[in-house]
Amino acid sequence: MYSKIDEYLLFNKDQNNKVSHSINLNKNGKGNDFEKIIRKENKEILNLLDFLSSIENSIFASMTGSGSCCYVVFENKHNAKKAFDIIKKKFDDYWIYLAENNIIND
């Protein structure tokens, strides 16, 4: 995938030819440089991310780093549990895990 990154990303260079911006943002403002490549190159992951994004009450769906994991974010545990059941039924041969993001407030 690294060999394809220039092909898919737009690099803005300043007058000294330094890259000033190279992140690819999806429609929700979250960025993953490899996601644009994966969406064009891998139909299975494209379908999974599109499905995750379409689940009712989802905030956004993305993939980690270079795509070892795809995930969907919800505002509360209730919505996440409902989505978990839907995902588990549709993708019964995938490893699916429900996790909670614990926020520490100082």
N, C-alpha and C. Protein backbone atom coordinates (compact mmCIF):
# COMPACT_ATOMS: atom_id res chain seq x y z
N MET A 1 0.80 -1.20 0.00
CA MET A 1 0.00 0.00 0.00
C MET A 1 0.85 1.27 0.00
N TYR A 2 1.97 1.23 0.68
CA TYR A 2 2.79 2.45 0.73
C TYR A 2 3.20 2.92 -0.66
N SER A 3 3.40 1.99 -1.57
CA SER A 3 3.81 2.37 -2.92
C SER A 3 2.71 3.10 -3.67
N LYS A 4 1.47 2.99 -3.21
CA LYS A 4 0.35 3.62 -3.90
C LYS A 4 -0.07 4.95 -3.28
N ILE A 5 0.54 5.35 -2.19
CA ILE A 5 0.04 6.51 -1.46
C ILE A 5 0.09 7.80 -2.26
N ASP A 6 1.13 8.03 -3.02
CA ASP A 6 1.22 9.26 -3.83
C ASP A 6 0.12 9.32 -4.88
N GLU A 7 -0.28 8.16 -5.35
CA GLU A 7 -1.30 8.07 -6.39
C GLU A 7 -2.66 8.55 -5.88
N TYR A 8 -2.93 8.39 -4.59
CA TYR A 8 -4.24 8.66 -4.05
C TYR A 8 -4.35 9.94 -3.22
N LEU A 9 -3.24 10.45 -2.71
CA LEU A 9 -3.29 11.61 -1.84
C LEU A 9 -2.88 12.87 -2.58
N LEU A 10 -3.46 13.96 -2.17
CA LEU A 10 -3.07 15.25 -2.72
C LEU A 10 -2.14 15.92 -1.73
N PHE A 11 -1.00 16.34 -2.19
CA PHE A 11 -0.03 16.99 -1.33
C PHE A 11 0.06 18.46 -1.73
N ASN A 12 -0.16 19.34 -0.78
CA ASN A 12 0.00 20.77 -1.02
C ASN A 12 1.41 21.15 -0.61
N LYS A 13 2.16 21.72 -1.52
CA LYS A 13 3.54 22.09 -1.23
C LYS A 13 3.66 23.61 -1.21
N ASP A 14 4.44 24.09 -0.25
CA ASP A 14 4.67 25.54 -0.19
C ASP A 14 5.78 25.94 -1.16
N GLN A 15 6.18 27.21 -1.13
CA GLN A 15 7.19 27.68 -2.08
C GLN A 15 8.54 27.00 -1.91
N ASN A 16 8.81 26.42 -0.76
CA ASN A 16 10.06 25.69 -0.53
C ASN A 16 9.92 24.20 -0.83
N ASN A 17 8.81 23.83 -1.47
CA ASN A 17 8.54 22.46 -1.85
C ASN A 17 8.35 21.52 -0.65
N LYS A 18 7.92 22.09 0.50
CA LYS A 18 7.64 21.29 1.68
C LYS A 18 6.16 20.96 1.71
N VAL A 19 5.84 19.75 2.11
CA VAL A 19 4.44 19.33 2.19
C VAL A 19 3.79 20.04 3.38
N SER A 20 2.69 20.75 3.09
CA SER A 20 2.01 21.47 4.15
C SER A 20 0.77 20.74 4.64
N HIS A 21 0.24 19.83 3.83
CA HIS A 21 -0.97 19.11 4.22
C HIS A 21 -1.05 17.82 3.42
N SER A 22 -1.16 16.69 4.10
CA SER A 22 -1.22 15.44 3.35
C SER A 22 -2.27 14.48 3.88
N ILE A 23 -3.16 14.95 4.74
CA ILE A 23 -4.13 14.03 5.31
C ILE A 23 -5.39 13.98 4.46
N ASN A 24 -5.92 12.81 4.29
CA ASN A 24 -7.17 12.62 3.56
C ASN A 24 -8.30 12.56 4.57
N LEU A 25 -9.20 13.52 4.55
CA LEU A 25 -10.31 13.52 5.49
C LEU A 25 -11.53 12.91 4.86
N ASN A 26 -12.22 12.06 5.62
CA ASN A 26 -13.46 11.53 5.10
C ASN A 26 -14.59 12.51 5.37
N LYS A 27 -15.80 12.16 5.04
CA LYS A 27 -16.91 13.10 5.13
C LYS A 27 -17.19 13.57 6.55
N ASN A 28 -16.70 12.84 7.55
CA ASN A 28 -16.93 13.22 8.94
C ASN A 28 -15.76 13.98 9.54
N GLY A 29 -14.76 14.33 8.73
CA GLY A 29 -13.62 15.08 9.24
C GLY A 29 -12.59 14.23 9.95
N LYS A 30 -12.73 12.93 9.91
CA LYS A 30 -11.75 12.03 10.52
C LYS A 30 -10.82 11.56 9.42
N GLY A 31 -9.54 11.48 9.72
CA GLY A 31 -8.60 11.17 8.65
C GLY A 31 -7.88 9.85 8.80
N ASN A 32 -7.69 9.17 7.71
CA ASN A 32 -6.86 7.98 7.63
C ASN A 32 -6.33 7.94 6.20
N ASP A 33 -5.06 8.16 6.04
CA ASP A 33 -4.46 8.24 4.71
C ASP A 33 -4.68 6.99 3.88
N PHE A 34 -4.69 5.82 4.49
CA PHE A 34 -4.83 4.57 3.75
C PHE A 34 -6.27 4.25 3.37
N GLU A 35 -7.22 4.87 4.05
CA GLU A 35 -8.61 4.51 3.79
C GLU A 35 -9.04 4.79 2.35
N LYS A 36 -8.58 5.89 1.79
CA LYS A 36 -8.93 6.21 0.41
C LYS A 36 -8.40 5.13 -0.55
N ILE A 37 -7.21 4.66 -0.29
CA ILE A 37 -6.62 3.60 -1.12
C ILE A 37 -7.41 2.31 -0.96
N ILE A 38 -7.66 1.93 0.27
CA ILE A 38 -8.36 0.67 0.56
C ILE A 38 -9.75 0.68 -0.06
N ARG A 39 -10.44 1.81 0.03
CA ARG A 39 -11.79 1.89 -0.54
C ARG A 39 -11.78 1.63 -2.05
N LYS A 40 -10.71 2.00 -2.73
CA LYS A 40 -10.63 1.76 -4.18
C LYS A 40 -10.09 0.37 -4.50
N GLU A 41 -9.26 -0.16 -3.65
CA GLU A 41 -8.55 -1.41 -3.95
C GLU A 41 -9.22 -2.66 -3.37
N ASN A 42 -10.02 -2.52 -2.32
CA ASN A 42 -10.54 -3.70 -1.64
C ASN A 42 -12.05 -3.58 -1.44
N LYS A 43 -12.80 -4.26 -2.28
CA LYS A 43 -14.26 -4.18 -2.26
C LYS A 43 -14.85 -4.70 -0.95
N GLU A 44 -14.24 -5.71 -0.37
CA GLU A 44 -14.76 -6.29 0.88
C GLU A 44 -14.71 -5.26 2.02
N ILE A 45 -13.60 -4.57 2.15
CA ILE A 45 -13.48 -3.55 3.20
C ILE A 45 -14.37 -2.35 2.87
N LEU A 46 -14.45 -1.98 1.61
CA LEU A 46 -15.34 -0.90 1.19
C LEU A 46 -16.78 -1.21 1.61
N ASN A 47 -17.24 -2.42 1.32
CA ASN A 47 -18.60 -2.82 1.68
C ASN A 47 -18.81 -2.81 3.19
N LEU A 48 -17.82 -3.28 3.92
CA LEU A 48 -17.92 -3.29 5.39
C LEU A 48 -18.01 -1.87 5.94
N LEU A 49 -17.12 -0.99 5.50
CA LEU A 49 -17.14 0.39 5.99
C LEU A 49 -18.44 1.11 5.62
N ASP A 50 -18.92 0.88 4.41
CA ASP A 50 -20.19 1.48 3.99
C ASP A 50 -21.35 0.96 4.84
N PHE A 51 -21.34 -0.34 5.11
CA PHE A 51 -22.39 -0.91 5.95
C PHE A 51 -22.33 -0.33 7.37
N LEU A 52 -21.14 -0.29 7.95
CA LEU A 52 -20.99 0.24 9.30
C LEU A 52 -21.45 1.70 9.38
N SER A 53 -21.13 2.47 8.35
CA SER A 53 -21.53 3.88 8.32
C SER A 53 -23.04 4.05 8.20
N SER A 54 -23.70 3.07 7.63
CA SER A 54 -25.14 3.18 7.40
C SER A 54 -25.99 2.74 8.58
N ILE A 55 -25.39 2.17 9.60
CA ILE A 55 -26.15 1.70 10.75
C ILE A 55 -26.76 2.89 11.48
N GLU A 56 -28.02 2.74 11.83
CA GLU A 56 -28.75 3.82 12.52
C GLU A 56 -27.99 4.28 13.77
N ASN A 57 -27.90 5.57 13.95
CA ASN A 57 -27.26 6.23 15.10
C ASN A 57 -25.74 6.12 15.12
N SER A 58 -25.12 5.66 14.04
CA SER A 58 -23.66 5.62 14.02
C SER A 58 -23.13 7.05 13.85
N ILE A 59 -22.01 7.35 14.49
CA ILE A 59 -21.37 8.66 14.35
C ILE A 59 -20.44 8.64 13.15
N PHE A 60 -19.56 7.65 13.09
CA PHE A 60 -18.71 7.44 11.92
C PHE A 60 -18.13 6.04 11.97
N ALA A 61 -17.68 5.57 10.84
CA ALA A 61 -16.98 4.28 10.74
C ALA A 61 -15.66 4.54 10.03
N SER A 62 -14.64 3.82 10.42
CA SER A 62 -13.33 4.00 9.82
C SER A 62 -12.53 2.73 10.02
N MET A 63 -11.26 2.80 9.64
CA MET A 63 -10.36 1.69 9.90
C MET A 63 -9.15 2.22 10.68
N THR A 64 -8.57 1.33 11.46
CA THR A 64 -7.39 1.72 12.22
C THR A 64 -6.18 1.72 11.30
N GLY A 65 -5.23 2.57 11.58
CA GLY A 65 -3.95 2.59 10.89
C GLY A 65 -3.99 2.16 9.45
N SER A 66 -3.38 1.04 9.15
CA SER A 66 -3.33 0.54 7.78
C SER A 66 -4.41 -0.51 7.52
N GLY A 67 -5.42 -0.56 8.37
CA GLY A 67 -6.58 -1.39 8.09
C GLY A 67 -6.66 -2.71 8.80
N SER A 68 -5.95 -2.88 9.90
CA SER A 68 -6.04 -4.16 10.60
C SER A 68 -7.40 -4.34 11.28
N CYS A 69 -8.12 -3.23 11.45
CA CYS A 69 -9.42 -3.28 12.12
C CYS A 69 -10.33 -2.20 11.54
N CYS A 70 -11.58 -2.54 11.32
CA CYS A 70 -12.60 -1.55 10.97
C CYS A 70 -13.50 -1.39 12.18
N TYR A 71 -13.97 -0.18 12.41
CA TYR A 71 -14.79 0.07 13.59
C TYR A 71 -15.85 1.12 13.30
N VAL A 72 -16.86 1.12 14.15
CA VAL A 72 -17.93 2.11 14.08
C VAL A 72 -18.12 2.69 15.48
N VAL A 73 -18.41 3.98 15.55
CA VAL A 73 -18.52 4.69 16.82
C VAL A 73 -19.98 5.10 17.05
N PHE A 74 -20.43 4.93 18.29
CA PHE A 74 -21.77 5.33 18.70
C PHE A 74 -21.67 6.21 19.93
N GLU A 75 -22.70 7.00 20.15
CA GLU A 75 -22.70 7.92 21.29
C GLU A 75 -22.95 7.23 22.61
N ASN A 76 -23.69 6.13 22.57
CA ASN A 76 -23.99 5.47 23.84
C ASN A 76 -23.98 3.95 23.69
N LYS A 77 -23.96 3.29 24.84
CA LYS A 77 -23.85 1.84 24.89
C LYS A 77 -25.09 1.16 24.30
N HIS A 78 -26.24 1.73 24.53
CA HIS A 78 -27.49 1.15 24.01
C HIS A 78 -27.44 1.02 22.48
N ASN A 79 -27.07 2.10 21.81
CA ASN A 79 -26.98 2.07 20.34
C ASN A 79 -25.90 1.11 19.86
N ALA A 80 -24.80 1.06 20.58
CA ALA A 80 -23.70 0.16 20.22
C ALA A 80 -24.13 -1.30 20.35
N LYS A 81 -24.86 -1.63 21.40
CA LYS A 81 -25.33 -3.01 21.59
C LYS A 81 -26.30 -3.42 20.49
N LYS A 82 -27.21 -2.52 20.12
CA LYS A 82 -28.14 -2.83 19.03
C LYS A 82 -27.38 -3.07 17.72
N ALA A 83 -26.40 -2.22 17.45
CA ALA A 83 -25.59 -2.37 16.23
C ALA A 83 -24.78 -3.65 16.27
N PHE A 84 -24.26 -4.01 17.44
CA PHE A 84 -23.48 -5.24 17.58
C PHE A 84 -24.28 -6.43 17.09
N ASP A 85 -25.54 -6.52 17.50
CA ASP A 85 -26.39 -7.64 17.10
C ASP A 85 -26.61 -7.65 15.59
N ILE A 86 -26.81 -6.48 15.01
CA ILE A 86 -27.02 -6.37 13.56
C ILE A 86 -25.76 -6.80 12.80
N ILE A 87 -24.61 -6.31 13.25
CA ILE A 87 -23.33 -6.62 12.60
C ILE A 87 -23.02 -8.11 12.73
N LYS A 88 -23.23 -8.65 13.93
CA LYS A 88 -22.95 -10.07 14.18
C LYS A 88 -23.79 -10.96 13.26
N LYS A 89 -25.03 -10.57 13.03
CA LYS A 89 -25.90 -11.37 12.17
C LYS A 89 -25.46 -11.30 10.71
N LYS A 90 -25.11 -10.10 10.25
CA LYS A 90 -24.73 -9.92 8.84
C LYS A 90 -23.34 -10.47 8.53
N PHE A 91 -22.41 -10.31 9.46
CA PHE A 91 -21.02 -10.73 9.25
C PHE A 91 -20.65 -11.81 10.27
N ASP A 92 -21.36 -12.92 10.23
CA ASP A 92 -21.17 -13.96 11.24
C ASP A 92 -19.83 -14.66 11.17
N ASP A 93 -19.10 -14.50 10.07
CA ASP A 93 -17.78 -15.15 9.98
C ASP A 93 -16.64 -14.17 10.29
N TYR A 94 -16.97 -12.95 10.74
CA TYR A 94 -15.95 -11.96 11.12
C TYR A 94 -15.78 -11.98 12.64
N TRP A 95 -14.61 -11.59 13.08
CA TRP A 95 -14.37 -11.41 14.51
C TRP A 95 -14.91 -10.05 14.89
N ILE A 96 -15.89 -10.02 15.77
CA ILE A 96 -16.57 -8.77 16.15
C ILE A 96 -16.46 -8.60 17.65
N TYR A 97 -16.15 -7.38 18.07
CA TYR A 97 -15.95 -7.10 19.49
C TYR A 97 -16.64 -5.79 19.84
N LEU A 98 -17.33 -5.76 20.95
CA LEU A 98 -17.98 -4.55 21.45
C LEU A 98 -17.12 -3.98 22.58
N ALA A 99 -16.66 -2.77 22.40
CA ALA A 99 -15.78 -2.16 23.39
C ALA A 99 -16.31 -0.78 23.78
N GLU A 100 -15.91 -0.35 24.96
CA GLU A 100 -16.31 0.97 25.44
C GLU A 100 -15.07 1.85 25.57
N ASN A 101 -15.20 3.07 25.10
CA ASN A 101 -14.13 4.04 25.23
C ASN A 101 -14.32 4.77 26.55
N ASN A 102 -13.46 4.52 27.49
CA ASN A 102 -13.56 5.17 28.80
C ASN A 102 -12.84 6.49 28.78
N ILE A 103 -13.56 7.55 29.09
CA ILE A 103 -12.99 8.88 29.12
C ILE A 103 -12.66 9.24 30.57
N ILE A 104 -11.46 9.72 30.77
CA ILE A 104 -11.03 10.15 32.09
C ILE A 104 -11.12 11.67 32.13
N ASN A 105 -11.94 12.16 33.06
CA ASN A 105 -12.09 13.62 33.24
C ASN A 105 -11.31 14.04 34.47
N ASP A 106 -10.47 15.04 34.29
CA ASP A 106 -9.70 15.55 35.44
C ASP A 106 -10.48 16.61 36.18
